[in-house]
């Protein structure tokens, strides 16, 4: 957009604000030193007002959406914090704990976070005289992100549990096992079409890490 003169400067028009209007480059270049008619001015003004109103409505819609999103996030945070308190009463999250919970809720679904809390509490919280111990509650809270991550992995890669089990076989049988490399090779084999049962048999048949790697490479090729 460029600034256009209603009354052309060549014909005595001034730079007064009342003699100016915004105009697209092609329109301004095409009119030369001709005066913009009143009809043209009104039409352009109307178009500009409509565009401004549309942008205003879009901005208001965006701001309202952002406010509603923040409100939903606050509600989810409060609900999750209350649920943790219910699980570990009389303990509750401090400010730092709520910050950590907020990060979890931005990464995982509310339902998954709540279920991860319950799993962590069931597995790690210990009780004394009918009440949870503070140390075990703190330990359980540290495990919540790990449980949530494992749930996400299970959803995205339901076969990963079986592959981790096979890796455990290798770790227990061999004096040396590169666990990261083993998992990568197992995933590559699974993606190539290997069955879980065949991979289990191969892990139990190999005598050492080097032989297992060789057998895996050969198995994938065939």
N, C-alpha and C. Protein backbone atom coordinates (compact mmCIF):
# COMPACT_ATOMS: atom_id res chain seq x y z
N UNK A 1 0.84 -1.20 0.00
CA UNK A 1 0.00 0.00 0.00
C UNK A 1 0.88 1.26 0.00
N UNK A 2 0.39 2.30 -0.69
CA UNK A 2 1.10 3.57 -0.71
C UNK A 2 0.10 4.67 -0.35
N UNK A 3 0.64 5.87 0.00
CA UNK A 3 -0.21 7.02 0.30
C UNK A 3 -0.56 7.71 -1.01
N UNK A 4 -1.85 7.95 -1.21
CA UNK A 4 -2.32 8.55 -2.46
C UNK A 4 -2.94 9.92 -2.15
N UNK A 5 -2.92 10.82 -3.13
CA UNK A 5 -3.54 12.14 -3.00
C UNK A 5 -4.91 12.13 -3.66
N UNK A 6 -5.90 12.63 -2.95
CA UNK A 6 -7.23 12.76 -3.55
C UNK A 6 -7.18 13.81 -4.65
N UNK A 7 -6.71 15.00 -4.31
CA UNK A 7 -6.46 16.06 -5.30
C UNK A 7 -4.99 15.98 -5.67
N UNK A 8 -4.65 15.62 -6.92
CA UNK A 8 -3.24 15.46 -7.31
C UNK A 8 -2.40 16.68 -6.98
N UNK A 9 -1.16 16.43 -6.56
CA UNK A 9 -0.24 17.52 -6.24
C UNK A 9 0.00 18.38 -7.46
N UNK A 10 0.01 17.75 -8.64
CA UNK A 10 0.25 18.50 -9.89
C UNK A 10 -0.84 19.51 -10.17
N UNK A 11 -2.00 19.31 -9.53
CA UNK A 11 -3.10 20.24 -9.75
C UNK A 11 -3.44 21.03 -8.50
N UNK A 12 -2.43 21.19 -7.63
CA UNK A 12 -2.59 22.03 -6.46
C UNK A 12 -2.93 21.32 -5.18
N UNK A 13 -2.99 19.97 -5.21
CA UNK A 13 -3.29 19.22 -3.99
C UNK A 13 -2.17 19.33 -2.98
N UNK A 14 -2.53 19.30 -1.70
CA UNK A 14 -1.54 19.45 -0.63
C UNK A 14 -1.32 18.09 0.05
N UNK A 15 -0.37 18.09 1.01
CA UNK A 15 -0.11 16.88 1.81
C UNK A 15 -0.92 16.87 3.09
N UNK A 16 -1.95 17.72 3.13
CA UNK A 16 -2.83 17.74 4.31
C UNK A 16 -3.48 16.37 4.48
N UNK A 17 -3.68 15.97 5.71
CA UNK A 17 -4.23 14.65 6.00
C UNK A 17 -5.58 14.43 5.34
N UNK A 18 -6.34 15.52 5.16
CA UNK A 18 -7.66 15.40 4.55
C UNK A 18 -7.58 15.14 3.06
N UNK A 19 -6.39 15.33 2.47
CA UNK A 19 -6.20 15.10 1.04
C UNK A 19 -5.47 13.80 0.77
N UNK A 20 -5.29 12.97 1.83
CA UNK A 20 -4.53 11.72 1.68
C UNK A 20 -5.42 10.52 1.90
N UNK A 21 -5.07 9.44 1.20
CA UNK A 21 -5.76 8.17 1.36
C UNK A 21 -4.77 7.06 1.00
N UNK A 22 -4.90 5.92 1.63
CA UNK A 22 -4.03 4.81 1.25
C UNK A 22 -4.57 4.18 -0.02
N UNK A 23 -3.65 3.74 -0.86
CA UNK A 23 -4.02 3.16 -2.14
C UNK A 23 -3.01 2.11 -2.53
N UNK A 24 -3.46 1.05 -3.25
CA UNK A 24 -2.51 0.04 -3.71
C UNK A 24 -1.59 0.66 -4.75
N UNK A 25 -0.42 0.07 -4.93
CA UNK A 25 0.59 0.65 -5.81
C UNK A 25 0.09 0.76 -7.24
N UNK A 26 -0.60 -0.27 -7.71
CA UNK A 26 -1.06 -0.26 -9.10
C UNK A 26 -2.11 0.82 -9.33
N UNK A 27 -3.00 1.01 -8.32
CA UNK A 27 -4.03 2.06 -8.46
C UNK A 27 -3.40 3.45 -8.50
N UNK A 28 -2.44 3.67 -7.61
CA UNK A 28 -1.79 4.97 -7.54
C UNK A 28 -1.00 5.25 -8.82
N UNK A 29 -0.32 4.23 -9.31
CA UNK A 29 0.49 4.42 -10.52
C UNK A 29 -0.41 4.64 -11.73
N UNK A 30 -1.60 4.03 -11.71
CA UNK A 30 -2.47 4.10 -12.88
C UNK A 30 -3.26 5.38 -12.99
N UNK A 31 -3.49 6.08 -11.90
CA UNK A 31 -4.35 7.25 -11.97
C UNK A 31 -3.62 8.51 -12.42
N UNK A 32 -2.28 8.46 -12.39
CA UNK A 32 -1.46 9.61 -12.82
C UNK A 32 -1.86 10.84 -12.01
N UNK A 33 -2.16 11.98 -12.75
CA UNK A 33 -2.49 13.20 -12.03
C UNK A 33 -3.99 13.48 -12.03
N UNK A 34 -4.80 12.40 -12.27
CA UNK A 34 -6.24 12.58 -12.23
C UNK A 34 -6.74 12.63 -10.80
N UNK A 35 -7.79 13.44 -10.59
CA UNK A 35 -8.37 13.57 -9.25
C UNK A 35 -9.23 12.36 -8.94
N UNK A 36 -9.09 11.86 -7.72
CA UNK A 36 -9.97 10.77 -7.29
C UNK A 36 -11.38 11.32 -7.10
N UNK A 37 -12.37 10.64 -7.67
CA UNK A 37 -13.75 11.11 -7.54
C UNK A 37 -14.23 10.86 -6.12
N UNK A 38 -15.29 11.54 -5.73
CA UNK A 38 -15.85 11.36 -4.40
C UNK A 38 -16.31 9.92 -4.21
N UNK A 39 -16.88 9.34 -5.31
CA UNK A 39 -17.34 7.95 -5.22
C UNK A 39 -16.18 7.02 -4.94
N UNK A 40 -15.04 7.25 -5.60
CA UNK A 40 -13.86 6.42 -5.39
C UNK A 40 -13.35 6.55 -3.97
N UNK A 41 -13.33 7.77 -3.46
CA UNK A 41 -12.86 8.01 -2.10
C UNK A 41 -13.73 7.27 -1.09
N UNK A 42 -15.05 7.42 -1.25
CA UNK A 42 -15.97 6.76 -0.33
C UNK A 42 -15.82 5.25 -0.38
N UNK A 43 -15.68 4.73 -1.62
CA UNK A 43 -15.53 3.28 -1.79
C UNK A 43 -14.25 2.78 -1.13
N UNK A 44 -13.15 3.53 -1.35
CA UNK A 44 -11.88 3.12 -0.75
C UNK A 44 -11.96 3.19 0.78
N UNK A 45 -12.57 4.26 1.29
CA UNK A 45 -12.70 4.40 2.74
C UNK A 45 -13.51 3.23 3.31
N UNK A 46 -14.60 2.89 2.60
CA UNK A 46 -15.45 1.80 3.05
C UNK A 46 -14.69 0.47 3.07
N UNK A 47 -13.91 0.23 2.02
CA UNK A 47 -13.12 -1.00 1.95
C UNK A 47 -12.10 -1.06 3.08
N UNK A 48 -11.47 0.10 3.36
CA UNK A 48 -10.47 0.14 4.43
C UNK A 48 -11.12 -0.12 5.79
N UNK A 49 -12.30 0.48 5.99
CA UNK A 49 -13.00 0.27 7.26
C UNK A 49 -13.40 -1.20 7.43
N UNK A 50 -13.85 -1.81 6.34
CA UNK A 50 -14.23 -3.23 6.40
C UNK A 50 -13.03 -4.11 6.71
N UNK A 51 -11.89 -3.78 6.09
CA UNK A 51 -10.67 -4.55 6.35
C UNK A 51 -10.22 -4.38 7.80
N UNK A 52 -10.30 -3.14 8.30
CA UNK A 52 -9.92 -2.89 9.69
C UNK A 52 -10.84 -3.63 10.65
N UNK A 53 -12.14 -3.62 10.35
CA UNK A 53 -13.10 -4.32 11.21
C UNK A 53 -12.85 -5.82 11.21
N UNK A 54 -12.53 -6.36 10.04
CA UNK A 54 -12.25 -7.80 9.94
C UNK A 54 -11.01 -8.17 10.74
N UNK A 55 -9.97 -7.34 10.64
CA UNK A 55 -8.75 -7.60 11.40
C UNK A 55 -9.01 -7.48 12.90
N UNK A 56 -9.83 -6.50 13.28
CA UNK A 56 -10.16 -6.32 14.69
C UNK A 56 -10.89 -7.54 15.23
N UNK A 57 -11.85 -8.05 14.45
CA UNK A 57 -12.60 -9.23 14.87
C UNK A 57 -11.71 -10.46 14.98
N UNK A 58 -10.78 -10.60 14.03
CA UNK A 58 -9.84 -11.72 14.07
C UNK A 58 -8.95 -11.64 15.30
N UNK A 59 -8.49 -10.41 15.60
CA UNK A 59 -7.64 -10.21 16.77
C UNK A 59 -8.39 -10.52 18.06
N UNK A 60 -9.63 -10.05 18.14
CA UNK A 60 -10.44 -10.32 19.34
C UNK A 60 -10.70 -11.81 19.50
N UNK A 61 -10.96 -12.49 18.37
CA UNK A 61 -11.19 -13.93 18.41
C UNK A 61 -9.95 -14.67 18.90
N UNK A 62 -8.80 -14.24 18.41
CA UNK A 62 -7.54 -14.87 18.80
C UNK A 62 -7.27 -14.64 20.29
N UNK A 63 -7.50 -13.42 20.76
CA UNK A 63 -7.26 -13.12 22.17
C UNK A 63 -8.22 -13.92 23.07
N UNK A 64 -9.48 -14.02 22.66
CA UNK A 64 -10.45 -14.80 23.44
C UNK A 64 -10.06 -16.26 23.49
N UNK A 65 -9.58 -16.77 22.36
CA UNK A 65 -9.15 -18.17 22.30
C UNK A 65 -7.98 -18.41 23.23
N UNK A 66 -7.03 -17.48 23.25
CA UNK A 66 -5.87 -17.60 24.12
C UNK A 66 -6.29 -17.56 25.59
N UNK A 67 -7.23 -16.67 25.91
CA UNK A 67 -7.71 -16.57 27.30
C UNK A 67 -8.41 -17.86 27.72
N UNK A 68 -9.23 -18.42 26.83
CA UNK A 68 -9.93 -19.66 27.14
C UNK A 68 -8.93 -20.81 27.31
N UNK A 69 -7.89 -20.81 26.49
CA UNK A 69 -6.88 -21.85 26.58
C UNK A 69 -6.15 -21.77 27.92
N UNK A 70 -5.80 -20.55 28.33
CA UNK A 70 -5.15 -20.37 29.63
C UNK A 70 -6.06 -20.79 30.77
N UNK A 71 -7.34 -20.49 30.63
CA UNK A 71 -8.30 -20.88 31.65
C UNK A 71 -8.40 -22.40 31.76
N UNK A 72 -8.41 -23.09 30.63
CA UNK A 72 -8.46 -24.55 30.62
C UNK A 72 -7.20 -25.14 31.24
N UNK A 73 -6.05 -24.54 30.93
CA UNK A 73 -4.79 -25.02 31.49
C UNK A 73 -4.77 -24.86 33.00
N UNK A 74 -5.27 -23.71 33.48
CA UNK A 74 -5.33 -23.48 34.94
C UNK A 74 -6.27 -24.49 35.61
N UNK A 75 -7.39 -24.76 34.95
CA UNK A 75 -8.35 -25.72 35.51
C UNK A 75 -7.74 -27.11 35.58
N UNK A 76 -7.05 -27.51 34.50
CA UNK A 76 -6.42 -28.83 34.48
C UNK A 76 -5.34 -28.92 35.55
N UNK A 77 -4.58 -27.85 35.72
CA UNK A 77 -3.53 -27.83 36.74
C UNK A 77 -4.12 -27.99 38.14
N UNK A 78 -5.19 -27.26 38.41
CA UNK A 78 -5.83 -27.35 39.74
C UNK A 78 -6.39 -28.76 39.98
N UNK A 79 -7.01 -29.33 38.95
CA UNK A 79 -7.59 -30.67 39.11
C UNK A 79 -6.51 -31.71 39.37
N UNK A 80 -5.41 -31.62 38.62
CA UNK A 80 -4.32 -32.58 38.79
C UNK A 80 -3.66 -32.42 40.16
N UNK A 81 -3.46 -31.18 40.59
CA UNK A 81 -2.86 -30.93 41.91
C UNK A 81 -3.76 -31.46 43.02
N UNK A 82 -5.06 -31.26 42.88
CA UNK A 82 -6.01 -31.77 43.88
C UNK A 82 -5.99 -33.30 43.91
N UNK A 83 -5.84 -33.91 42.74
CA UNK A 83 -5.82 -35.37 42.67
C UNK A 83 -4.58 -35.92 43.38
N UNK A 84 -3.44 -35.24 43.19
CA UNK A 84 -2.21 -35.67 43.87
C UNK A 84 -2.38 -35.56 45.38
N UNK A 85 -3.01 -34.49 45.83
CA UNK A 85 -3.26 -34.31 47.26
C UNK A 85 -4.15 -35.43 47.80
N UNK A 86 -5.16 -35.80 47.02
CA UNK A 86 -6.06 -36.87 47.44
C UNK A 86 -5.32 -38.20 47.55
N UNK A 87 -4.34 -38.41 46.66
CA UNK A 87 -3.57 -39.66 46.67
C UNK A 87 -2.56 -39.70 47.81
N UNK A 88 -2.05 -38.53 48.20
CA UNK A 88 -0.93 -38.50 49.16
C UNK A 88 -1.26 -37.72 50.43
N UNK A 89 -2.54 -37.49 50.69
CA UNK A 89 -2.95 -36.74 51.88
C UNK A 89 -2.21 -37.26 53.13
N UNK A 90 -1.61 -36.35 53.91
CA UNK A 90 -1.82 -34.91 54.01
C UNK A 90 -0.85 -34.05 53.19
N UNK A 91 -0.12 -34.64 52.28
CA UNK A 91 0.88 -33.89 51.51
C UNK A 91 0.26 -33.31 50.24
N UNK A 92 0.81 -32.19 49.79
CA UNK A 92 0.35 -31.55 48.57
C UNK A 92 1.55 -30.93 47.87
N UNK A 93 1.35 -30.50 46.64
CA UNK A 93 2.44 -29.92 45.86
C UNK A 93 2.73 -28.49 46.29
N UNK A 94 4.01 -28.16 46.41
CA UNK A 94 4.39 -26.77 46.66
C UNK A 94 4.45 -26.02 45.33
N UNK A 95 4.89 -24.79 45.37
CA UNK A 95 4.93 -23.97 44.15
C UNK A 95 5.81 -24.61 43.08
N UNK A 96 6.96 -25.12 43.50
CA UNK A 96 7.85 -25.76 42.54
C UNK A 96 7.20 -27.01 41.94
N UNK A 97 6.50 -27.75 42.77
CA UNK A 97 5.80 -28.94 42.29
C UNK A 97 4.72 -28.59 41.28
N UNK A 98 4.01 -27.51 41.50
CA UNK A 98 2.97 -27.08 40.56
C UNK A 98 3.56 -26.65 39.24
N UNK A 99 4.74 -26.03 39.29
CA UNK A 99 5.43 -25.65 38.05
C UNK A 99 5.77 -26.91 37.24
N UNK A 100 6.31 -27.91 37.94
CA UNK A 100 6.64 -29.17 37.29
C UNK A 100 5.41 -29.85 36.73
N UNK A 101 4.30 -29.79 37.47
CA UNK A 101 3.05 -30.39 37.02
C UNK A 101 2.54 -29.68 35.77
N UNK A 102 2.70 -28.36 35.74
CA UNK A 102 2.28 -27.60 34.56
C UNK A 102 3.04 -28.04 33.31
N UNK A 103 4.33 -28.31 33.47
CA UNK A 103 5.14 -28.77 32.34
C UNK A 103 4.66 -30.15 31.87
N UNK A 104 4.32 -31.01 32.82
CA UNK A 104 3.82 -32.34 32.47
C UNK A 104 2.52 -32.23 31.67
N UNK A 105 1.63 -31.34 32.09
CA UNK A 105 0.34 -31.19 31.42
C UNK A 105 0.47 -30.59 30.03
N UNK A 106 1.55 -29.84 29.80
CA UNK A 106 1.77 -29.32 28.45
C UNK A 106 2.36 -30.38 27.53
N UNK A 107 2.91 -31.43 28.12
CA UNK A 107 3.56 -32.49 27.34
C UNK A 107 2.66 -33.71 27.16
N UNK A 108 1.83 -33.99 28.18
CA UNK A 108 0.99 -35.19 28.16
C UNK A 108 -0.47 -34.81 28.42
N UNK A 109 -1.38 -35.69 28.02
CA UNK A 109 -2.80 -35.47 28.28
C UNK A 109 -3.08 -35.54 29.79
N UNK A 110 -4.11 -34.80 30.20
CA UNK A 110 -4.48 -34.78 31.62
C UNK A 110 -4.75 -36.19 32.14
N UNK A 111 -5.50 -36.98 31.40
CA UNK A 111 -5.84 -38.33 31.83
C UNK A 111 -4.59 -39.18 32.04
N UNK A 112 -3.62 -39.04 31.12
CA UNK A 112 -2.37 -39.81 31.25
C UNK A 112 -1.57 -39.38 32.47
N UNK A 113 -1.58 -38.07 32.76
CA UNK A 113 -0.86 -37.57 33.94
C UNK A 113 -1.51 -38.10 35.22
N UNK A 114 -2.83 -38.07 35.27
CA UNK A 114 -3.54 -38.56 36.45
C UNK A 114 -3.26 -40.04 36.68
N UNK A 115 -3.29 -40.81 35.60
CA UNK A 115 -3.04 -42.24 35.73
C UNK A 115 -1.59 -42.50 36.13
N UNK A 116 -0.67 -41.69 35.62
CA UNK A 116 0.75 -41.83 35.98
C UNK A 116 0.95 -41.54 37.46
N UNK A 117 0.23 -40.55 37.98
CA UNK A 117 0.29 -40.26 39.42
C UNK A 117 -0.14 -41.48 40.23
N UNK A 118 -1.27 -42.07 39.83
CA UNK A 118 -1.79 -43.22 40.58
C UNK A 118 -0.81 -44.39 40.54
N UNK A 119 -0.23 -44.65 39.38
CA UNK A 119 0.72 -45.75 39.25
C UNK A 119 1.95 -45.51 40.12
N UNK A 120 2.47 -44.27 40.08
CA UNK A 120 3.66 -43.93 40.87
C UNK A 120 3.39 -44.08 42.36
N UNK A 121 2.20 -43.64 42.78
CA UNK A 121 1.83 -43.75 44.21
C UNK A 121 1.69 -45.21 44.61
N UNK A 122 0.98 -45.99 43.79
CA UNK A 122 0.78 -47.41 44.11
C UNK A 122 2.11 -48.16 44.22
N UNK A 123 3.07 -47.75 43.41
CA UNK A 123 4.33 -48.49 43.36
C UNK A 123 5.34 -48.02 44.40
N UNK A 124 5.34 -46.75 44.74
CA UNK A 124 6.45 -46.21 45.54
C UNK A 124 6.07 -45.65 46.92
N UNK A 125 4.83 -45.32 47.13
CA UNK A 125 4.46 -44.72 48.41
C UNK A 125 4.37 -45.79 49.50
N UNK A 126 5.02 -45.51 50.62
CA UNK A 126 4.98 -46.40 51.78
C UNK A 126 4.21 -45.72 52.90
N UNK A 127 3.60 -46.53 53.76
CA UNK A 127 2.74 -45.99 54.81
C UNK A 127 3.25 -46.36 56.20
N UNK A 128 3.02 -45.45 57.10
CA UNK A 128 3.38 -45.67 58.50
C UNK A 128 2.23 -45.17 59.35
N UNK A 129 1.68 -46.07 60.13
CA UNK A 129 0.51 -45.75 60.96
C UNK A 129 -0.64 -45.21 60.12
N UNK A 130 -0.79 -45.80 58.93
CA UNK A 130 -1.90 -45.45 58.06
C UNK A 130 -1.70 -44.20 57.23
N UNK A 131 -0.55 -43.54 57.35
CA UNK A 131 -0.29 -42.33 56.58
C UNK A 131 0.95 -42.50 55.73
N UNK A 132 0.98 -41.91 54.53
CA UNK A 132 2.16 -42.04 53.67
C UNK A 132 3.34 -41.29 54.27
N UNK A 133 4.53 -41.84 54.08
CA UNK A 133 5.73 -41.15 54.56
C UNK A 133 6.14 -40.07 53.57
N UNK A 134 6.68 -38.98 54.07
CA UNK A 134 7.06 -37.87 53.22
C UNK A 134 8.12 -38.29 52.20
N UNK A 135 9.09 -39.08 52.65
CA UNK A 135 10.17 -39.51 51.76
C UNK A 135 9.63 -40.33 50.59
N UNK A 136 8.70 -41.24 50.87
CA UNK A 136 8.17 -42.07 49.79
C UNK A 136 7.29 -41.26 48.84
N UNK A 137 6.59 -40.25 49.36
CA UNK A 137 5.77 -39.38 48.51
C UNK A 137 6.66 -38.59 47.55
N UNK A 138 7.75 -38.07 48.08
CA UNK A 138 8.68 -37.32 47.23
C UNK A 138 9.29 -38.23 46.16
N UNK A 139 9.58 -39.47 46.53
CA UNK A 139 10.12 -40.43 45.57
C UNK A 139 9.09 -40.73 44.48
N UNK A 140 7.84 -40.92 44.88
CA UNK A 140 6.78 -41.22 43.92
C UNK A 140 6.60 -40.07 42.93
N UNK A 141 6.68 -38.84 43.44
CA UNK A 141 6.51 -37.68 42.55
C UNK A 141 7.59 -37.64 41.48
N UNK A 142 8.81 -38.02 41.83
CA UNK A 142 9.89 -38.03 40.85
C UNK A 142 9.66 -39.06 39.75
N UNK A 143 8.88 -40.09 40.07
CA UNK A 143 8.63 -41.14 39.09
C UNK A 143 7.45 -40.83 38.16
N UNK A 144 6.66 -39.84 38.47
CA UNK A 144 5.49 -39.52 37.66
C UNK A 144 5.88 -39.20 36.21
N UNK A 145 6.90 -38.34 35.96
CA UNK A 145 7.28 -38.07 34.56
C UNK A 145 7.75 -39.33 33.83
N UNK A 146 8.44 -40.21 34.54
CA UNK A 146 8.93 -41.44 33.90
C UNK A 146 7.77 -42.33 33.49
N UNK A 147 6.80 -42.45 34.38
CA UNK A 147 5.64 -43.29 34.07
C UNK A 147 4.87 -42.70 32.89
N UNK A 148 4.70 -41.38 32.88
CA UNK A 148 3.98 -40.72 31.80
C UNK A 148 4.70 -40.93 30.47
N UNK A 149 6.02 -40.86 30.51
CA UNK A 149 6.79 -41.07 29.28
C UNK A 149 6.65 -42.51 28.78
N UNK A 150 6.70 -43.46 29.69
CA UNK A 150 6.54 -44.86 29.31
C UNK A 150 5.15 -45.12 28.73
N UNK A 151 4.14 -44.47 29.29
CA UNK A 151 2.79 -44.62 28.75
C UNK A 151 2.72 -44.08 27.33
N UNK A 152 3.38 -42.96 27.10
CA UNK A 152 3.38 -42.38 25.76
C UNK A 152 4.10 -43.29 24.77
N UNK A 153 5.22 -43.84 25.21
CA UNK A 153 5.97 -44.77 24.35
C UNK A 153 5.11 -46.00 24.05
N UNK A 154 4.41 -46.52 25.07
CA UNK A 154 3.55 -47.68 24.88
C UNK A 154 2.46 -47.41 23.85
N UNK A 155 1.94 -46.19 23.88
CA UNK A 155 0.87 -45.84 22.94
C UNK A 155 1.40 -45.70 21.52
N UNK A 156 2.58 -45.09 21.39
CA UNK A 156 3.15 -44.86 20.07
C UNK A 156 3.86 -46.10 19.53
N UNK A 157 4.45 -46.89 20.43
CA UNK A 157 5.17 -48.10 20.02
C UNK A 157 4.78 -49.24 20.96
N UNK A 158 3.63 -49.86 20.73
CA UNK A 158 3.16 -50.91 21.64
C UNK A 158 4.10 -52.11 21.72
N UNK A 159 4.98 -52.27 20.74
CA UNK A 159 5.90 -53.42 20.74
C UNK A 159 7.14 -53.18 21.59
N UNK A 160 7.32 -51.96 22.09
CA UNK A 160 8.58 -51.62 22.76
C UNK A 160 8.77 -52.45 24.03
N UNK A 161 7.68 -52.82 24.71
CA UNK A 161 7.82 -53.62 25.93
C UNK A 161 8.47 -54.96 25.61
N UNK A 162 8.04 -55.57 24.52
CA UNK A 162 8.62 -56.86 24.12
C UNK A 162 10.09 -56.71 23.77
N UNK A 163 10.44 -55.62 23.10
CA UNK A 163 11.84 -55.41 22.73
C UNK A 163 12.70 -55.15 23.97
N UNK A 164 12.15 -54.44 24.94
CA UNK A 164 12.89 -54.22 26.18
C UNK A 164 13.08 -55.53 26.94
N UNK A 165 12.08 -56.40 26.86
CA UNK A 165 12.19 -57.72 27.50
C UNK A 165 13.31 -58.52 26.84
N UNK A 166 13.37 -58.48 25.52
CA UNK A 166 14.43 -59.20 24.80
C UNK A 166 15.80 -58.62 25.15
N UNK A 167 15.86 -57.31 25.25
CA UNK A 167 17.13 -56.68 25.64
C UNK A 167 17.54 -57.15 27.03
N UNK A 168 16.57 -57.35 27.90
CA UNK A 168 16.86 -57.86 29.24
C UNK A 168 17.46 -59.26 29.18
N UNK A 169 16.99 -60.07 28.24
CA UNK A 169 17.56 -61.41 28.06
C UNK A 169 19.04 -61.29 27.70
N UNK A 170 19.33 -60.38 26.77
CA UNK A 170 20.73 -60.19 26.35
C UNK A 170 21.59 -59.71 27.52
N UNK A 171 21.06 -58.78 28.28
CA UNK A 171 21.82 -58.22 29.41
C UNK A 171 22.13 -59.30 30.45
N UNK A 172 21.19 -60.18 30.67
CA UNK A 172 21.38 -61.23 31.67
C UNK A 172 22.28 -62.37 31.18
N UNK A 173 22.30 -62.60 29.88
CA UNK A 173 23.06 -63.74 29.36
C UNK A 173 24.51 -63.40 29.01
N UNK A 174 24.73 -62.15 28.58
CA UNK A 174 26.07 -61.79 28.10
C UNK A 174 26.86 -61.03 29.17
N UNK A 175 28.16 -61.21 29.14
CA UNK A 175 29.02 -60.47 30.07
C UNK A 175 29.12 -59.01 29.64
N UNK A 176 28.89 -58.77 28.34
CA UNK A 176 28.90 -57.40 27.83
C UNK A 176 27.68 -57.22 26.93
N UNK A 177 27.02 -56.08 27.08
CA UNK A 177 25.86 -55.78 26.22
C UNK A 177 25.72 -54.27 26.09
N UNK A 178 25.80 -53.77 24.87
CA UNK A 178 25.56 -52.36 24.61
C UNK A 178 24.04 -52.18 24.52
N UNK A 179 23.44 -51.74 25.60
CA UNK A 179 21.98 -51.72 25.69
C UNK A 179 21.34 -50.79 24.67
N UNK A 180 21.93 -49.62 24.44
CA UNK A 180 21.38 -48.69 23.47
C UNK A 180 21.46 -49.28 22.06
N UNK A 181 22.62 -49.84 21.73
CA UNK A 181 22.80 -50.45 20.42
C UNK A 181 21.86 -51.64 20.25
N UNK A 182 21.70 -52.43 21.30
CA UNK A 182 20.82 -53.60 21.23
C UNK A 182 19.39 -53.19 20.92
N UNK A 183 18.89 -52.14 21.61
CA UNK A 183 17.53 -51.69 21.37
C UNK A 183 17.36 -51.16 19.96
N UNK A 184 18.36 -50.44 19.47
CA UNK A 184 18.30 -49.91 18.10
C UNK A 184 18.24 -51.04 17.09
N UNK A 185 19.06 -52.09 17.30
CA UNK A 185 19.07 -53.22 16.37
C UNK A 185 17.75 -53.99 16.44
N UNK A 186 17.20 -54.13 17.62
CA UNK A 186 15.92 -54.81 17.77
C UNK A 186 14.80 -54.04 17.07
N UNK A 187 14.82 -52.72 17.21
CA UNK A 187 13.81 -51.90 16.53
C UNK A 187 13.96 -51.98 15.03
N UNK A 188 15.21 -51.97 14.55
CA UNK A 188 15.44 -52.09 13.10
C UNK A 188 14.92 -53.42 12.59
N UNK A 189 15.17 -54.49 13.35
CA UNK A 189 14.72 -55.81 12.94
C UNK A 189 13.19 -55.89 12.94
N UNK A 190 12.58 -55.32 13.98
CA UNK A 190 11.11 -55.34 14.06
C UNK A 190 10.50 -54.55 12.90
N UNK A 191 11.07 -53.37 12.63
CA UNK A 191 10.57 -52.56 11.52
C UNK A 191 10.75 -53.26 10.18
N UNK A 192 11.77 -54.14 10.09
CA UNK A 192 12.02 -54.87 8.85
C UNK A 192 11.10 -56.09 8.70
N UNK A 193 10.29 -56.35 9.75
CA UNK A 193 9.34 -57.45 9.66
C UNK A 193 9.62 -58.63 10.55
N UNK A 194 10.64 -58.56 11.40
CA UNK A 194 10.96 -59.67 12.30
C UNK A 194 9.86 -59.84 13.35
N UNK A 195 9.54 -61.07 13.69
CA UNK A 195 8.53 -61.32 14.72
C UNK A 195 9.19 -61.28 16.10
N UNK A 196 8.41 -60.98 17.11
CA UNK A 196 8.90 -60.93 18.48
C UNK A 196 9.42 -62.30 18.90
N UNK A 197 8.70 -63.36 18.54
CA UNK A 197 9.11 -64.70 18.93
C UNK A 197 10.46 -65.08 18.33
N UNK A 198 10.68 -64.73 17.06
CA UNK A 198 11.97 -65.03 16.42
C UNK A 198 13.10 -64.27 17.09
N UNK A 199 12.83 -63.02 17.47
CA UNK A 199 13.86 -62.23 18.13
C UNK A 199 14.18 -62.78 19.52
N UNK A 200 13.17 -63.29 20.21
CA UNK A 200 13.41 -63.92 21.51
C UNK A 200 14.29 -65.17 21.35
N UNK A 201 13.95 -66.00 20.36
CA UNK A 201 14.73 -67.23 20.13
C UNK A 201 16.18 -66.90 19.80
N UNK A 202 16.36 -65.87 19.00
CA UNK A 202 17.72 -65.48 18.60
C UNK A 202 18.52 -65.01 19.81
N UNK A 203 17.86 -64.27 20.70
CA UNK A 203 18.54 -63.77 21.90
C UNK A 203 18.95 -64.93 22.82
N UNK A 204 18.11 -65.93 22.91
CA UNK A 204 18.40 -67.07 23.78
C UNK A 204 19.42 -68.03 23.17
N UNK A 205 19.55 -67.99 21.84
CA UNK A 205 20.46 -68.91 21.16
C UNK A 205 21.89 -68.39 21.11
N UNK A 206 22.05 -67.09 21.02
CA UNK A 206 23.40 -66.51 20.88
C UNK A 206 24.18 -66.64 22.18
N UNK A 207 25.51 -66.88 22.04
CA UNK A 207 26.34 -67.11 23.23
C UNK A 207 26.94 -65.82 23.79
N UNK A 208 27.15 -64.82 22.94
CA UNK A 208 27.78 -63.58 23.39
C UNK A 208 27.31 -62.43 22.52
N UNK A 209 27.73 -61.23 22.91
CA UNK A 209 27.30 -60.01 22.22
C UNK A 209 27.71 -60.01 20.75
N UNK A 210 28.93 -60.39 20.47
CA UNK A 210 29.43 -60.37 19.09
C UNK A 210 28.64 -61.33 18.21
N UNK A 211 28.38 -62.53 18.73
CA UNK A 211 27.62 -63.50 17.95
C UNK A 211 26.19 -63.01 17.71
N UNK A 212 25.60 -62.40 18.74
CA UNK A 212 24.23 -61.91 18.58
C UNK A 212 24.16 -60.83 17.50
N UNK A 213 25.13 -59.92 17.48
CA UNK A 213 25.16 -58.88 16.45
C UNK A 213 25.26 -59.51 15.06
N UNK A 214 26.14 -60.50 14.93
CA UNK A 214 26.34 -61.17 13.65
C UNK A 214 25.05 -61.89 13.23
N UNK A 215 24.45 -62.61 14.17
CA UNK A 215 23.22 -63.34 13.88
C UNK A 215 22.08 -62.38 13.50
N UNK A 216 22.03 -61.23 14.18
CA UNK A 216 20.98 -60.25 13.89
C UNK A 216 21.13 -59.67 12.49
N UNK A 217 22.38 -59.32 12.14
CA UNK A 217 22.62 -58.78 10.79
C UNK A 217 22.24 -59.79 9.72
N UNK A 218 22.60 -61.02 9.97
CA UNK A 218 22.29 -62.08 9.01
C UNK A 218 20.78 -62.33 8.92
N UNK A 219 20.14 -62.29 10.06
CA UNK A 219 18.68 -62.52 10.12
C UNK A 219 17.94 -61.43 9.36
N UNK A 220 18.34 -60.17 9.57
CA UNK A 220 17.67 -59.04 8.90
C UNK A 220 17.84 -59.13 7.40
N UNK A 221 19.06 -59.53 6.96
CA UNK A 221 19.31 -59.63 5.52
C UNK A 221 18.47 -60.70 4.86
N UNK A 222 18.23 -61.80 5.58
CA UNK A 222 17.48 -62.90 4.97
C UNK A 222 15.99 -62.78 5.21
